[in-house]
Amino acid sequence: MTKDYYPYKAHPWHGVTIGDRAPQVVSAYIEMVPTDGVKYEIDKTTGHLKVDRPQKYSSQCPSLYGFIPQTYCNVLVGEFCSKSIGRAGIIGDGDALDICVLSEKQFTHGDFLLSAVPIGGLRLIDRDESDDKIIAVLEMDGVYGSWSQIADCPESVMERLKHYFLTYKDVPGSAKKRVEIASVFDAEEAREIISLSQSDYRATYSI
């Protein structure tokens, strides 16, 4: 047995590192692909991918979607969001930092790791909780791999991402919107949020 061999599958959140090039390039665990008709998410206790709920609308996530290992949105991420939008009382949502990864390639299912280059993000607010969505591209992707800033992303792609996240938690028929997008941020701010989420993770899990 070599020292690089693990007899058991690592927990995707706690047992996988963010990567030694973070925050410029990060590991991403993908839970969902654009063809999924149900919302999958990691089970925090076991590390297995589970069905969270059927998608409530016909729209589907327009990108690969998952989270960045060994990140956590807590005090520092919440404070950064509050300062950025000028609104007191925003807290982290208590989850790993979410990431959307753009790629020309098609993937049939989630539950895999990849290397992603953050180019910006969406600042989502969900009932006074910060729920940032980092937007990234698959490293060395043939179409998207040269993008380095959110300005490189066409408005049509941004609108699809915004529409999905503005509706994916709503109850059909409800007039009240649960989620708002307070702003769009660039690559530099995305990297800062990633670093803060790493610090929140270390403070919470003592790693």
N, C-alpha and C. Protein backbone atom coordinates (compact mmCIF):
# COMPACT_ATOMS: atom_id res chain seq x y z
N MET A 1 0.85 -1.19 0.00
CA MET A 1 0.00 0.00 0.00
C MET A 1 0.89 1.24 0.00
N THR A 2 0.67 2.14 -0.97
CA THR A 2 1.41 3.38 -0.99
C THR A 2 0.79 4.38 -0.05
N LYS A 3 1.54 5.41 0.30
CA LYS A 3 1.02 6.40 1.25
C LYS A 3 -0.07 7.26 0.63
N ASP A 4 -0.20 7.27 -0.70
CA ASP A 4 -1.22 8.06 -1.37
C ASP A 4 -2.52 7.30 -1.55
N TYR A 5 -2.58 6.08 -1.06
CA TYR A 5 -3.78 5.27 -1.22
C TYR A 5 -4.67 5.39 0.02
N TYR A 6 -5.98 5.59 -0.21
CA TYR A 6 -6.93 5.66 0.89
C TYR A 6 -7.93 4.52 0.75
N PRO A 7 -8.08 3.69 1.78
CA PRO A 7 -8.96 2.53 1.66
C PRO A 7 -10.44 2.88 1.64
N TYR A 8 -10.79 4.14 2.05
CA TYR A 8 -12.18 4.56 2.07
C TYR A 8 -12.32 5.87 1.29
N LYS A 9 -13.50 6.07 0.74
CA LYS A 9 -13.77 7.30 0.01
C LYS A 9 -13.76 8.49 0.96
N ALA A 10 -13.05 9.54 0.58
CA ALA A 10 -12.98 10.74 1.42
C ALA A 10 -14.30 11.50 1.40
N HIS A 11 -14.62 12.14 2.52
CA HIS A 11 -15.79 13.00 2.58
C HIS A 11 -15.54 14.19 1.65
N PRO A 12 -16.43 14.48 0.69
CA PRO A 12 -16.15 15.54 -0.30
C PRO A 12 -15.98 16.94 0.30
N TRP A 13 -16.58 17.18 1.48
CA TRP A 13 -16.46 18.50 2.09
C TRP A 13 -15.23 18.58 2.99
N HIS A 14 -15.05 17.59 3.84
CA HIS A 14 -14.00 17.65 4.85
C HIS A 14 -12.74 16.88 4.49
N GLY A 15 -12.87 15.86 3.66
CA GLY A 15 -11.74 14.99 3.38
C GLY A 15 -10.99 15.32 2.11
N VAL A 16 -11.46 16.32 1.37
CA VAL A 16 -10.82 16.76 0.13
C VAL A 16 -10.31 18.18 0.34
N THR A 17 -9.11 18.46 -0.11
CA THR A 17 -8.55 19.81 0.09
C THR A 17 -9.04 20.75 -1.01
N ILE A 18 -8.95 22.02 -0.74
CA ILE A 18 -9.33 23.04 -1.70
C ILE A 18 -8.31 23.14 -2.83
N GLY A 19 -7.10 22.63 -2.61
CA GLY A 19 -6.04 22.68 -3.62
C GLY A 19 -4.97 23.69 -3.24
N ASP A 20 -3.73 23.42 -3.63
CA ASP A 20 -2.62 24.27 -3.20
C ASP A 20 -2.47 25.53 -4.04
N ARG A 21 -3.36 25.74 -5.02
CA ARG A 21 -3.33 26.98 -5.80
C ARG A 21 -4.48 27.93 -5.46
N ALA A 22 -5.24 27.57 -4.44
CA ALA A 22 -6.37 28.42 -4.04
C ALA A 22 -5.87 29.75 -3.51
N PRO A 23 -6.62 30.85 -3.71
CA PRO A 23 -7.95 30.91 -4.31
C PRO A 23 -7.97 31.12 -5.83
N GLN A 24 -6.79 31.16 -6.48
CA GLN A 24 -6.76 31.39 -7.92
C GLN A 24 -7.35 30.21 -8.70
N VAL A 25 -7.06 29.00 -8.25
CA VAL A 25 -7.63 27.78 -8.82
C VAL A 25 -8.08 26.92 -7.65
N VAL A 26 -9.31 26.41 -7.69
CA VAL A 26 -9.84 25.68 -6.55
C VAL A 26 -10.39 24.32 -6.99
N SER A 27 -10.38 23.38 -6.07
CA SER A 27 -11.11 22.15 -6.28
C SER A 27 -12.60 22.43 -6.12
N ALA A 28 -13.41 21.79 -6.93
CA ALA A 28 -14.86 21.91 -6.81
C ALA A 28 -15.47 20.52 -6.84
N TYR A 29 -16.35 20.26 -5.89
CA TYR A 29 -17.12 19.01 -5.90
C TYR A 29 -18.46 19.31 -6.56
N ILE A 30 -18.76 18.60 -7.64
CA ILE A 30 -19.96 18.86 -8.41
C ILE A 30 -21.09 17.96 -7.94
N GLU A 31 -22.18 18.59 -7.51
CA GLU A 31 -23.37 17.87 -7.07
C GLU A 31 -24.38 17.71 -8.20
N MET A 32 -24.48 18.72 -9.07
CA MET A 32 -25.52 18.75 -10.09
C MET A 32 -24.93 19.10 -11.45
N VAL A 33 -25.56 18.56 -12.50
CA VAL A 33 -25.22 18.91 -13.88
C VAL A 33 -26.48 19.50 -14.52
N PRO A 34 -26.34 20.21 -15.65
CA PRO A 34 -27.49 20.93 -16.22
C PRO A 34 -28.69 20.06 -16.60
N THR A 35 -28.52 18.78 -16.81
CA THR A 35 -29.64 17.93 -17.20
C THR A 35 -30.42 17.36 -16.02
N ASP A 36 -29.99 17.61 -14.80
CA ASP A 36 -30.66 17.04 -13.64
C ASP A 36 -32.06 17.64 -13.45
N GLY A 37 -33.04 16.75 -13.27
CA GLY A 37 -34.41 17.19 -13.01
C GLY A 37 -34.75 17.25 -11.54
N VAL A 38 -33.82 16.84 -10.68
CA VAL A 38 -33.99 16.96 -9.24
C VAL A 38 -32.76 17.69 -8.69
N LYS A 39 -32.90 18.26 -7.51
CA LYS A 39 -31.77 18.94 -6.89
C LYS A 39 -31.05 17.96 -5.97
N TYR A 40 -29.79 17.73 -6.29
CA TYR A 40 -28.95 16.90 -5.44
C TYR A 40 -28.10 17.78 -4.54
N GLU A 41 -27.80 17.28 -3.36
CA GLU A 41 -26.83 17.97 -2.51
C GLU A 41 -26.14 16.95 -1.61
N ILE A 42 -25.01 17.35 -1.09
CA ILE A 42 -24.24 16.44 -0.25
C ILE A 42 -24.93 16.25 1.09
N ASP A 43 -24.93 15.02 1.59
CA ASP A 43 -25.38 14.76 2.95
C ASP A 43 -24.21 15.08 3.87
N LYS A 44 -24.38 16.07 4.74
CA LYS A 44 -23.26 16.57 5.53
C LYS A 44 -22.67 15.51 6.46
N THR A 45 -23.49 14.58 6.92
CA THR A 45 -23.01 13.59 7.87
C THR A 45 -22.21 12.49 7.18
N THR A 46 -22.76 11.93 6.11
CA THR A 46 -22.14 10.76 5.48
C THR A 46 -21.22 11.11 4.31
N GLY A 47 -21.43 12.27 3.69
CA GLY A 47 -20.67 12.62 2.50
C GLY A 47 -21.24 12.05 1.22
N HIS A 48 -22.35 11.32 1.31
CA HIS A 48 -22.99 10.78 0.12
C HIS A 48 -23.85 11.85 -0.55
N LEU A 49 -23.98 11.74 -1.86
CA LEU A 49 -24.86 12.63 -2.60
C LEU A 49 -26.30 12.16 -2.43
N LYS A 50 -27.21 13.06 -2.09
CA LYS A 50 -28.59 12.68 -1.85
C LYS A 50 -29.54 13.57 -2.65
N VAL A 51 -30.77 13.11 -2.82
CA VAL A 51 -31.81 13.91 -3.46
C VAL A 51 -32.36 14.87 -2.42
N ASP A 52 -32.27 16.16 -2.71
CA ASP A 52 -32.82 17.17 -1.82
C ASP A 52 -34.30 17.39 -2.11
N ARG A 53 -34.61 17.60 -3.39
CA ARG A 53 -36.00 17.82 -3.79
C ARG A 53 -36.09 17.80 -5.31
N PRO A 54 -37.28 17.51 -5.85
CA PRO A 54 -37.46 17.69 -7.29
C PRO A 54 -37.37 19.18 -7.62
N GLN A 55 -36.88 19.50 -8.81
CA GLN A 55 -36.87 20.90 -9.24
C GLN A 55 -38.31 21.38 -9.35
N LYS A 56 -38.60 22.55 -8.79
CA LYS A 56 -39.97 23.04 -8.73
C LYS A 56 -40.44 23.64 -10.05
N TYR A 57 -39.50 24.05 -10.88
CA TYR A 57 -39.83 24.65 -12.16
C TYR A 57 -39.15 23.87 -13.28
N SER A 58 -39.55 24.17 -14.50
CA SER A 58 -38.96 23.48 -15.64
C SER A 58 -37.53 23.93 -15.91
N SER A 59 -37.15 25.12 -15.41
CA SER A 59 -35.79 25.59 -15.62
C SER A 59 -34.81 24.72 -14.84
N GLN A 60 -33.65 24.51 -15.43
CA GLN A 60 -32.62 23.70 -14.80
C GLN A 60 -31.35 24.51 -14.66
N CYS A 61 -30.51 24.11 -13.73
CA CYS A 61 -29.27 24.85 -13.49
C CYS A 61 -28.45 24.88 -14.78
N PRO A 62 -28.07 26.06 -15.27
CA PRO A 62 -27.38 26.16 -16.56
C PRO A 62 -25.89 25.87 -16.52
N SER A 63 -25.39 25.41 -15.40
CA SER A 63 -23.95 25.12 -15.29
C SER A 63 -23.76 23.93 -14.37
N LEU A 64 -22.55 23.42 -14.31
CA LEU A 64 -22.20 22.49 -13.25
C LEU A 64 -22.31 23.23 -11.92
N TYR A 65 -22.79 22.56 -10.88
CA TYR A 65 -23.06 23.25 -9.63
C TYR A 65 -22.65 22.37 -8.45
N GLY A 66 -21.95 22.97 -7.51
CA GLY A 66 -21.54 22.23 -6.33
C GLY A 66 -20.95 23.16 -5.28
N PHE A 67 -19.87 22.72 -4.64
CA PHE A 67 -19.28 23.53 -3.58
C PHE A 67 -17.76 23.36 -3.57
N ILE A 68 -17.11 24.25 -2.85
CA ILE A 68 -15.66 24.22 -2.71
C ILE A 68 -15.32 23.53 -1.39
N PRO A 69 -14.57 22.42 -1.43
CA PRO A 69 -14.24 21.69 -0.21
C PRO A 69 -13.48 22.56 0.81
N GLN A 70 -13.69 22.22 2.08
CA GLN A 70 -13.04 22.89 3.21
C GLN A 70 -13.23 24.40 3.17
N THR A 71 -14.47 24.80 2.83
CA THR A 71 -14.90 26.19 2.99
C THR A 71 -16.18 26.17 3.83
N TYR A 72 -16.48 27.31 4.43
CA TYR A 72 -17.67 27.41 5.28
C TYR A 72 -18.09 28.87 5.32
N CYS A 73 -19.37 29.13 5.17
CA CYS A 73 -19.89 30.50 5.16
C CYS A 73 -20.47 30.81 6.54
N ASN A 74 -19.67 31.53 7.32
CA ASN A 74 -20.06 31.81 8.69
C ASN A 74 -19.84 33.29 9.00
N VAL A 75 -19.15 33.60 10.05
CA VAL A 75 -19.04 34.98 10.54
C VAL A 75 -18.35 35.90 9.53
N LEU A 76 -17.18 35.51 9.05
CA LEU A 76 -16.41 36.40 8.17
C LEU A 76 -17.11 36.62 6.83
N VAL A 77 -17.67 35.57 6.27
CA VAL A 77 -18.39 35.71 5.00
C VAL A 77 -19.62 36.59 5.18
N GLY A 78 -20.34 36.40 6.27
CA GLY A 78 -21.51 37.23 6.54
C GLY A 78 -21.16 38.69 6.72
N GLU A 79 -20.10 38.95 7.47
CA GLU A 79 -19.67 40.34 7.70
C GLU A 79 -19.23 41.00 6.39
N PHE A 80 -18.54 40.25 5.55
CA PHE A 80 -18.10 40.78 4.26
C PHE A 80 -19.29 41.14 3.39
N CYS A 81 -20.30 40.29 3.38
CA CYS A 81 -21.51 40.56 2.61
C CYS A 81 -22.23 41.80 3.14
N SER A 82 -22.37 41.89 4.46
CA SER A 82 -23.02 43.06 5.07
C SER A 82 -22.34 44.36 4.66
N LYS A 83 -21.02 44.36 4.73
CA LYS A 83 -20.25 45.55 4.37
C LYS A 83 -20.39 45.86 2.89
N SER A 84 -20.41 44.83 2.06
CA SER A 84 -20.46 45.04 0.61
C SER A 84 -21.77 45.66 0.16
N ILE A 85 -22.87 45.27 0.79
CA ILE A 85 -24.18 45.78 0.36
C ILE A 85 -24.71 46.87 1.28
N GLY A 86 -23.98 47.20 2.35
CA GLY A 86 -24.41 48.25 3.26
C GLY A 86 -25.66 47.91 4.04
N ARG A 87 -25.78 46.64 4.43
CA ARG A 87 -26.95 46.20 5.19
C ARG A 87 -26.48 45.40 6.40
N ALA A 88 -26.87 45.83 7.57
CA ALA A 88 -26.44 45.15 8.79
C ALA A 88 -27.22 43.86 9.00
N GLY A 89 -26.60 42.94 9.73
CA GLY A 89 -27.30 41.74 10.17
C GLY A 89 -27.25 40.56 9.24
N ILE A 90 -26.47 40.63 8.16
CA ILE A 90 -26.34 39.48 7.27
C ILE A 90 -25.39 38.47 7.90
N ILE A 91 -25.77 37.20 7.87
CA ILE A 91 -24.94 36.15 8.42
C ILE A 91 -24.63 35.12 7.32
N GLY A 92 -23.58 34.34 7.53
CA GLY A 92 -23.31 33.24 6.61
C GLY A 92 -24.38 32.17 6.71
N ASP A 93 -24.59 31.43 5.62
CA ASP A 93 -25.70 30.47 5.61
C ASP A 93 -25.36 29.13 6.26
N GLY A 94 -24.13 28.97 6.75
CA GLY A 94 -23.79 27.74 7.45
C GLY A 94 -23.53 26.55 6.55
N ASP A 95 -23.20 26.82 5.30
CA ASP A 95 -22.89 25.76 4.34
C ASP A 95 -21.52 26.02 3.72
N ALA A 96 -21.02 25.03 2.99
CA ALA A 96 -19.82 25.26 2.18
C ALA A 96 -20.13 26.30 1.11
N LEU A 97 -19.09 26.93 0.58
CA LEU A 97 -19.26 27.96 -0.43
C LEU A 97 -19.66 27.34 -1.76
N ASP A 98 -20.77 27.80 -2.32
CA ASP A 98 -21.29 27.26 -3.57
C ASP A 98 -20.48 27.75 -4.77
N ILE A 99 -20.43 26.93 -5.81
CA ILE A 99 -19.71 27.30 -7.02
C ILE A 99 -20.44 26.79 -8.26
N CYS A 100 -20.52 27.63 -9.28
CA CYS A 100 -21.04 27.28 -10.60
C CYS A 100 -19.86 27.21 -11.55
N VAL A 101 -19.73 26.12 -12.28
CA VAL A 101 -18.58 25.94 -13.16
C VAL A 101 -19.07 25.81 -14.59
N LEU A 102 -18.59 26.71 -15.45
CA LEU A 102 -18.95 26.71 -16.87
C LEU A 102 -17.97 25.86 -17.66
N SER A 103 -18.51 25.05 -18.56
CA SER A 103 -17.67 24.19 -19.40
C SER A 103 -18.40 23.87 -20.69
N GLU A 104 -17.64 23.69 -21.76
CA GLU A 104 -18.24 23.25 -23.02
C GLU A 104 -18.58 21.76 -23.00
N LYS A 105 -17.98 21.02 -22.09
CA LYS A 105 -18.18 19.58 -22.05
C LYS A 105 -19.50 19.23 -21.36
N GLN A 106 -20.07 18.09 -21.77
CA GLN A 106 -21.29 17.60 -21.15
C GLN A 106 -20.95 16.49 -20.16
N PHE A 107 -21.60 16.56 -19.00
CA PHE A 107 -21.39 15.57 -17.95
C PHE A 107 -22.73 14.91 -17.66
N THR A 108 -22.73 13.60 -17.50
CA THR A 108 -24.00 12.89 -17.35
C THR A 108 -24.54 12.88 -15.93
N HIS A 109 -23.69 13.11 -14.95
CA HIS A 109 -24.14 13.06 -13.56
C HIS A 109 -23.13 13.77 -12.68
N GLY A 110 -23.55 14.10 -11.47
CA GLY A 110 -22.67 14.73 -10.51
C GLY A 110 -21.86 13.71 -9.73
N ASP A 111 -21.30 14.16 -8.59
CA ASP A 111 -20.46 13.35 -7.71
C ASP A 111 -19.06 13.16 -8.30
N PHE A 112 -18.42 14.29 -8.64
CA PHE A 112 -17.03 14.24 -9.09
C PHE A 112 -16.33 15.55 -8.74
N LEU A 113 -15.01 15.52 -8.79
CA LEU A 113 -14.18 16.68 -8.50
C LEU A 113 -13.58 17.22 -9.79
N LEU A 114 -13.34 18.53 -9.82
CA LEU A 114 -12.65 19.16 -10.94
C LEU A 114 -11.88 20.37 -10.43
N SER A 115 -11.01 20.91 -11.28
CA SER A 115 -10.28 22.14 -10.96
C SER A 115 -10.95 23.30 -11.68
N ALA A 116 -11.24 24.37 -10.94
CA ALA A 116 -11.99 25.49 -11.48
C ALA A 116 -11.27 26.81 -11.22
N VAL A 117 -11.43 27.74 -12.15
CA VAL A 117 -10.83 29.08 -12.04
C VAL A 117 -11.95 30.08 -11.77
N PRO A 118 -12.03 30.67 -10.57
CA PRO A 118 -13.08 31.64 -10.27
C PRO A 118 -12.92 32.91 -11.11
N ILE A 119 -14.04 33.40 -11.68
CA ILE A 119 -14.02 34.63 -12.47
C ILE A 119 -14.95 35.70 -11.90
N GLY A 120 -15.71 35.38 -10.86
CA GLY A 120 -16.63 36.34 -10.26
C GLY A 120 -17.70 35.62 -9.47
N GLY A 121 -18.87 36.24 -9.37
CA GLY A 121 -19.94 35.57 -8.64
C GLY A 121 -21.19 36.41 -8.49
N LEU A 122 -22.22 35.76 -7.95
CA LEU A 122 -23.49 36.39 -7.63
C LEU A 122 -23.64 36.48 -6.12
N ARG A 123 -24.00 37.67 -5.64
CA ARG A 123 -24.19 37.85 -4.20
C ARG A 123 -25.68 37.63 -3.90
N LEU A 124 -26.01 36.41 -3.51
CA LEU A 124 -27.38 36.07 -3.18
C LEU A 124 -27.64 36.31 -1.69
N ILE A 125 -28.83 36.82 -1.40
CA ILE A 125 -29.29 36.98 -0.02
C ILE A 125 -30.55 36.14 0.13
N ASP A 126 -30.52 35.22 1.07
CA ASP A 126 -31.65 34.32 1.31
C ASP A 126 -32.08 34.51 2.75
N ARG A 127 -33.13 35.32 2.93
CA ARG A 127 -33.65 35.58 4.28
C ARG A 127 -32.56 36.05 5.23
N ASP A 128 -31.85 37.07 4.84
CA ASP A 128 -30.78 37.68 5.63
C ASP A 128 -29.57 36.78 5.83
N GLU A 129 -29.44 35.76 4.99
CA GLU A 129 -28.24 34.92 5.00
C GLU A 129 -27.49 35.09 3.68
N SER A 130 -26.17 35.20 3.80
CA SER A 130 -25.33 35.28 2.61
C SER A 130 -25.25 33.91 1.95
N ASP A 131 -25.56 33.84 0.67
CA ASP A 131 -25.55 32.58 -0.07
C ASP A 131 -24.83 32.80 -1.41
N ASP A 132 -23.61 33.30 -1.32
CA ASP A 132 -22.84 33.64 -2.52
C ASP A 132 -22.70 32.44 -3.46
N LYS A 133 -22.74 32.73 -4.76
CA LYS A 133 -22.49 31.72 -5.78
C LYS A 133 -21.25 32.15 -6.57
N ILE A 134 -20.14 31.47 -6.33
CA ILE A 134 -18.94 31.74 -7.10
C ILE A 134 -19.16 31.24 -8.53
N ILE A 135 -18.81 32.04 -9.51
CA ILE A 135 -18.87 31.63 -10.91
C ILE A 135 -17.44 31.36 -11.38
N ALA A 136 -17.24 30.20 -11.97
CA ALA A 136 -15.90 29.77 -12.36
C ALA A 136 -15.96 29.08 -13.71
N VAL A 137 -14.80 28.83 -14.27
CA VAL A 137 -14.70 28.06 -15.51
C VAL A 137 -13.84 26.83 -15.26
N LEU A 138 -14.14 25.78 -15.98
CA LEU A 138 -13.33 24.57 -15.89
C LEU A 138 -11.92 24.88 -16.38
N GLU A 139 -10.92 24.55 -15.57
CA GLU A 139 -9.55 24.83 -15.95
C GLU A 139 -9.22 24.13 -17.27
N MET A 140 -8.61 24.86 -18.19
CA MET A 140 -8.19 24.39 -19.50
C MET A 140 -9.36 24.01 -20.42
N ASP A 141 -10.56 24.49 -20.10
CA ASP A 141 -11.70 24.23 -20.97
C ASP A 141 -11.47 24.87 -22.34
N GLY A 142 -11.86 24.17 -23.40
CA GLY A 142 -11.58 24.65 -24.75
C GLY A 142 -12.30 25.93 -25.12
N VAL A 143 -13.48 26.18 -24.55
CA VAL A 143 -14.26 27.38 -24.87
C VAL A 143 -14.15 28.42 -23.77
N TYR A 144 -14.34 27.99 -22.52
CA TYR A 144 -14.42 28.93 -21.40
C TYR A 144 -13.09 29.11 -20.67
N GLY A 145 -12.12 28.27 -20.95
CA GLY A 145 -10.89 28.26 -20.17
C GLY A 145 -10.08 29.53 -20.20
N SER A 146 -10.26 30.36 -21.23
CA SER A 146 -9.49 31.61 -21.32
C SER A 146 -10.13 32.76 -20.55
N TRP A 147 -11.34 32.56 -20.03
CA TRP A 147 -12.02 33.63 -19.30
C TRP A 147 -11.34 33.82 -17.95
N SER A 148 -11.18 35.08 -17.54
CA SER A 148 -10.56 35.37 -16.26
C SER A 148 -11.36 36.36 -15.41
N GLN A 149 -12.35 37.03 -16.01
CA GLN A 149 -13.15 38.02 -15.31
C GLN A 149 -14.63 37.81 -15.62
N ILE A 150 -15.48 38.29 -14.74
CA ILE A 150 -16.92 38.14 -14.94
C ILE A 150 -17.37 38.87 -16.20
N ALA A 151 -16.63 39.90 -16.61
CA ALA A 151 -16.97 40.63 -17.83
C ALA A 151 -16.83 39.77 -19.07
N ASP A 152 -16.05 38.68 -18.98
CA ASP A 152 -15.90 37.77 -20.11
C ASP A 152 -17.15 36.93 -20.34
N CYS A 153 -18.00 36.83 -19.33
CA CYS A 153 -19.20 36.00 -19.39
C CYS A 153 -20.32 36.75 -20.11
N PRO A 154 -20.86 36.22 -21.21
CA PRO A 154 -21.93 36.91 -21.94
C PRO A 154 -23.15 37.17 -21.07
N GLU A 155 -23.85 38.25 -21.36
CA GLU A 155 -25.02 38.61 -20.57
C GLU A 155 -26.09 37.51 -20.62
N SER A 156 -26.19 36.82 -21.74
CA SER A 156 -27.19 35.76 -21.85
C SER A 156 -26.93 34.64 -20.85
N VAL A 157 -25.65 34.30 -20.63
CA VAL A 157 -25.30 33.28 -19.64
C VAL A 157 -25.58 33.79 -18.24
N MET A 158 -25.23 35.03 -17.97
CA MET A 158 -25.50 35.61 -16.66
C MET A 158 -26.98 35.63 -16.36
N GLU A 159 -27.80 35.97 -17.35
CA GLU A 159 -29.24 36.04 -17.13
C GLU A 159 -29.82 34.66 -16.81
N ARG A 160 -29.30 33.61 -17.45
CA ARG A 160 -29.78 32.27 -17.15
C ARG A 160 -29.41 31.87 -15.72
N LEU A 161 -28.19 32.20 -15.32
CA LEU A 161 -27.78 31.90 -13.94
C LEU A 161 -28.64 32.66 -12.94
N LYS A 162 -28.84 33.94 -13.20
CA LYS A 162 -29.66 34.76 -12.29
C LYS A 162 -31.08 34.21 -12.19
N HIS A 163 -31.67 33.89 -13.34
CA HIS A 163 -33.04 33.39 -13.33
C HIS A 163 -33.17 32.10 -12.53
N TYR A 164 -32.21 31.21 -12.70
CA TYR A 164 -32.28 29.96 -11.96
C TYR A 164 -32.22 30.20 -10.46
N PHE A 165 -31.26 30.98 -10.01
CA PHE A 165 -31.09 31.16 -8.57
C PHE A 165 -32.15 32.07 -7.95
N LEU A 166 -32.81 32.89 -8.75
CA LEU A 166 -33.90 33.70 -8.23
C LEU A 166 -35.18 32.89 -8.06
N THR A 167 -35.26 31.72 -8.66
CA THR A 167 -36.50 30.94 -8.62
C THR A 167 -36.35 29.55 -8.00
N TYR A 168 -35.12 29.06 -7.80
CA TYR A 168 -34.98 27.65 -7.45
C TYR A 168 -35.46 27.29 -6.05
N LYS A 169 -35.67 28.27 -5.19
CA LYS A 169 -36.17 27.99 -3.84
C LYS A 169 -37.61 28.44 -3.64
N ASP A 170 -38.20 29.07 -4.65
CA ASP A 170 -39.56 29.56 -4.51
C ASP A 170 -40.58 28.42 -4.56
N VAL A 171 -41.67 28.61 -3.84
CA VAL A 171 -42.79 27.68 -3.90
C VAL A 171 -43.68 28.10 -5.06
N PRO A 172 -43.99 27.17 -5.99
CA PRO A 172 -44.85 27.54 -7.12
C PRO A 172 -46.15 28.18 -6.67
N GLY A 173 -46.51 29.30 -7.29
CA GLY A 173 -47.73 30.02 -6.94
C GLY A 173 -47.56 31.09 -5.89
N SER A 174 -46.41 31.10 -5.22
CA SER A 174 -46.18 32.10 -4.19
C SER A 174 -45.75 33.43 -4.81
N ALA A 175 -46.35 34.52 -4.32
CA ALA A 175 -46.02 35.84 -4.86
C ALA A 175 -44.78 36.42 -4.20
N LYS A 176 -44.39 35.89 -3.05
CA LYS A 176 -43.25 36.41 -2.31
C LYS A 176 -41.98 35.70 -2.73
N LYS A 177 -40.98 36.48 -3.12
CA LYS A 177 -39.70 35.93 -3.52
C LYS A 177 -38.81 35.73 -2.29
N ARG A 178 -38.20 34.56 -2.21
CA ARG A 178 -37.36 34.24 -1.05
C ARG A 178 -35.93 34.75 -1.22
N VAL A 179 -35.43 34.75 -2.46
CA VAL A 179 -34.03 35.04 -2.74
C VAL A 179 -33.91 36.34 -3.52
N GLU A 180 -32.87 37.11 -3.22
CA GLU A 180 -32.55 38.30 -4.01
C GLU A 180 -31.08 38.26 -4.40
N ILE A 181 -30.77 38.85 -5.54
CA ILE A 181 -29.39 39.00 -5.96
C ILE A 181 -29.01 40.46 -5.73
N ALA A 182 -28.17 40.68 -4.72
CA ALA A 182 -27.83 42.04 -4.32
C ALA A 182 -26.83 42.68 -5.27
N SER A 183 -25.93 41.86 -5.85
CA SER A 183 -24.92 42.41 -6.75
C SER A 183 -24.20 41.27 -7.47
N VAL A 184 -23.43 41.65 -8.45
CA VAL A 184 -22.53 40.75 -9.15
C VAL A 184 -21.11 41.21 -8.84
N PHE A 185 -20.20 40.29 -8.52
CA PHE A 185 -18.85 40.70 -8.16
C PHE A 185 -17.83 40.08 -9.10
N ASP A 186 -16.62 40.66 -9.08
CA ASP A 186 -15.58 40.26 -10.02
C ASP A 186 -14.67 39.18 -9.45
N ALA A 187 -13.64 38.82 -10.22
CA ALA A 187 -12.75 37.72 -9.82
C ALA A 187 -11.99 38.03 -8.54
N GLU A 188 -11.53 39.26 -8.38
CA GLU A 188 -10.78 39.62 -7.18
C GLU A 188 -11.63 39.43 -5.93
N GLU A 189 -12.89 39.86 -6.00
CA GLU A 189 -13.77 39.72 -4.85
C GLU A 189 -14.12 38.25 -4.62
N ALA A 190 -14.26 37.48 -5.70
CA ALA A 190 -14.52 36.05 -5.55
C ALA A 190 -13.40 35.38 -4.79
N ARG A 191 -12.16 35.73 -5.14
CA ARG A 191 -11.02 35.13 -4.44
C ARG A 191 -11.00 35.54 -2.97
N GLU A 192 -11.39 36.78 -2.68
CA GLU A 192 -11.43 37.22 -1.28
C GLU A 192 -12.48 36.45 -0.49
N ILE A 193 -13.64 36.23 -1.09
CA ILE A 193 -14.69 35.48 -0.42
C ILE A 193 -14.25 34.04 -0.18
N ILE A 194 -13.58 33.45 -1.15
CA ILE A 194 -13.07 32.09 -0.98
C ILE A 194 -12.10 32.03 0.20
N SER A 195 -11.20 32.99 0.29
CA SER A 195 -10.23 33.02 1.39
C SER A 195 -10.93 33.19 2.74
N LEU A 196 -11.94 34.05 2.80
CA LEU A 196 -12.69 34.24 4.04
C LEU A 196 -13.43 32.96 4.43
N SER A 197 -13.97 32.27 3.44
CA SER A 197 -14.69 31.02 3.73
C SER A 197 -13.73 29.94 4.22
N GLN A 198 -12.49 29.98 3.76
CA GLN A 198 -11.48 29.06 4.29
C GLN A 198 -11.21 29.37 5.76
N SER A 199 -11.11 30.66 6.08
CA SER A 199 -10.87 31.05 7.47
C SER A 199 -12.05 30.67 8.35
N ASP A 200 -13.27 30.87 7.85
CA ASP A 200 -14.45 30.45 8.60
C ASP A 200 -14.44 28.94 8.82
N TYR A 201 -14.00 28.20 7.83
CA TYR A 201 -13.94 26.74 7.96
C TYR A 201 -12.93 26.34 9.05
N ARG A 202 -11.74 26.93 8.99
CA ARG A 202 -10.72 26.59 9.99
C ARG A 202 -11.18 26.96 11.39
N ALA A 203 -11.87 28.10 11.53
CA ALA A 203 -12.34 28.52 12.85
C ALA A 203 -13.43 27.58 13.39
N THR A 204 -14.20 27.00 12.48
CA THR A 204 -15.31 26.14 12.89
C THR A 204 -14.87 24.70 13.11
N TYR A 205 -14.00 24.21 12.23
CA TYR A 205 -13.63 22.79 12.26
C TYR A 205 -12.19 22.56 12.72
N SER A 206 -11.50 23.63 13.08
CA SER A 206 -10.15 23.54 13.66
C SER A 206 -9.18 22.76 12.79
N ILE A 207 -9.21 23.03 11.50
CA ILE A 207 -8.28 22.38 10.58
C ILE A 207 -7.30 23.42 10.03
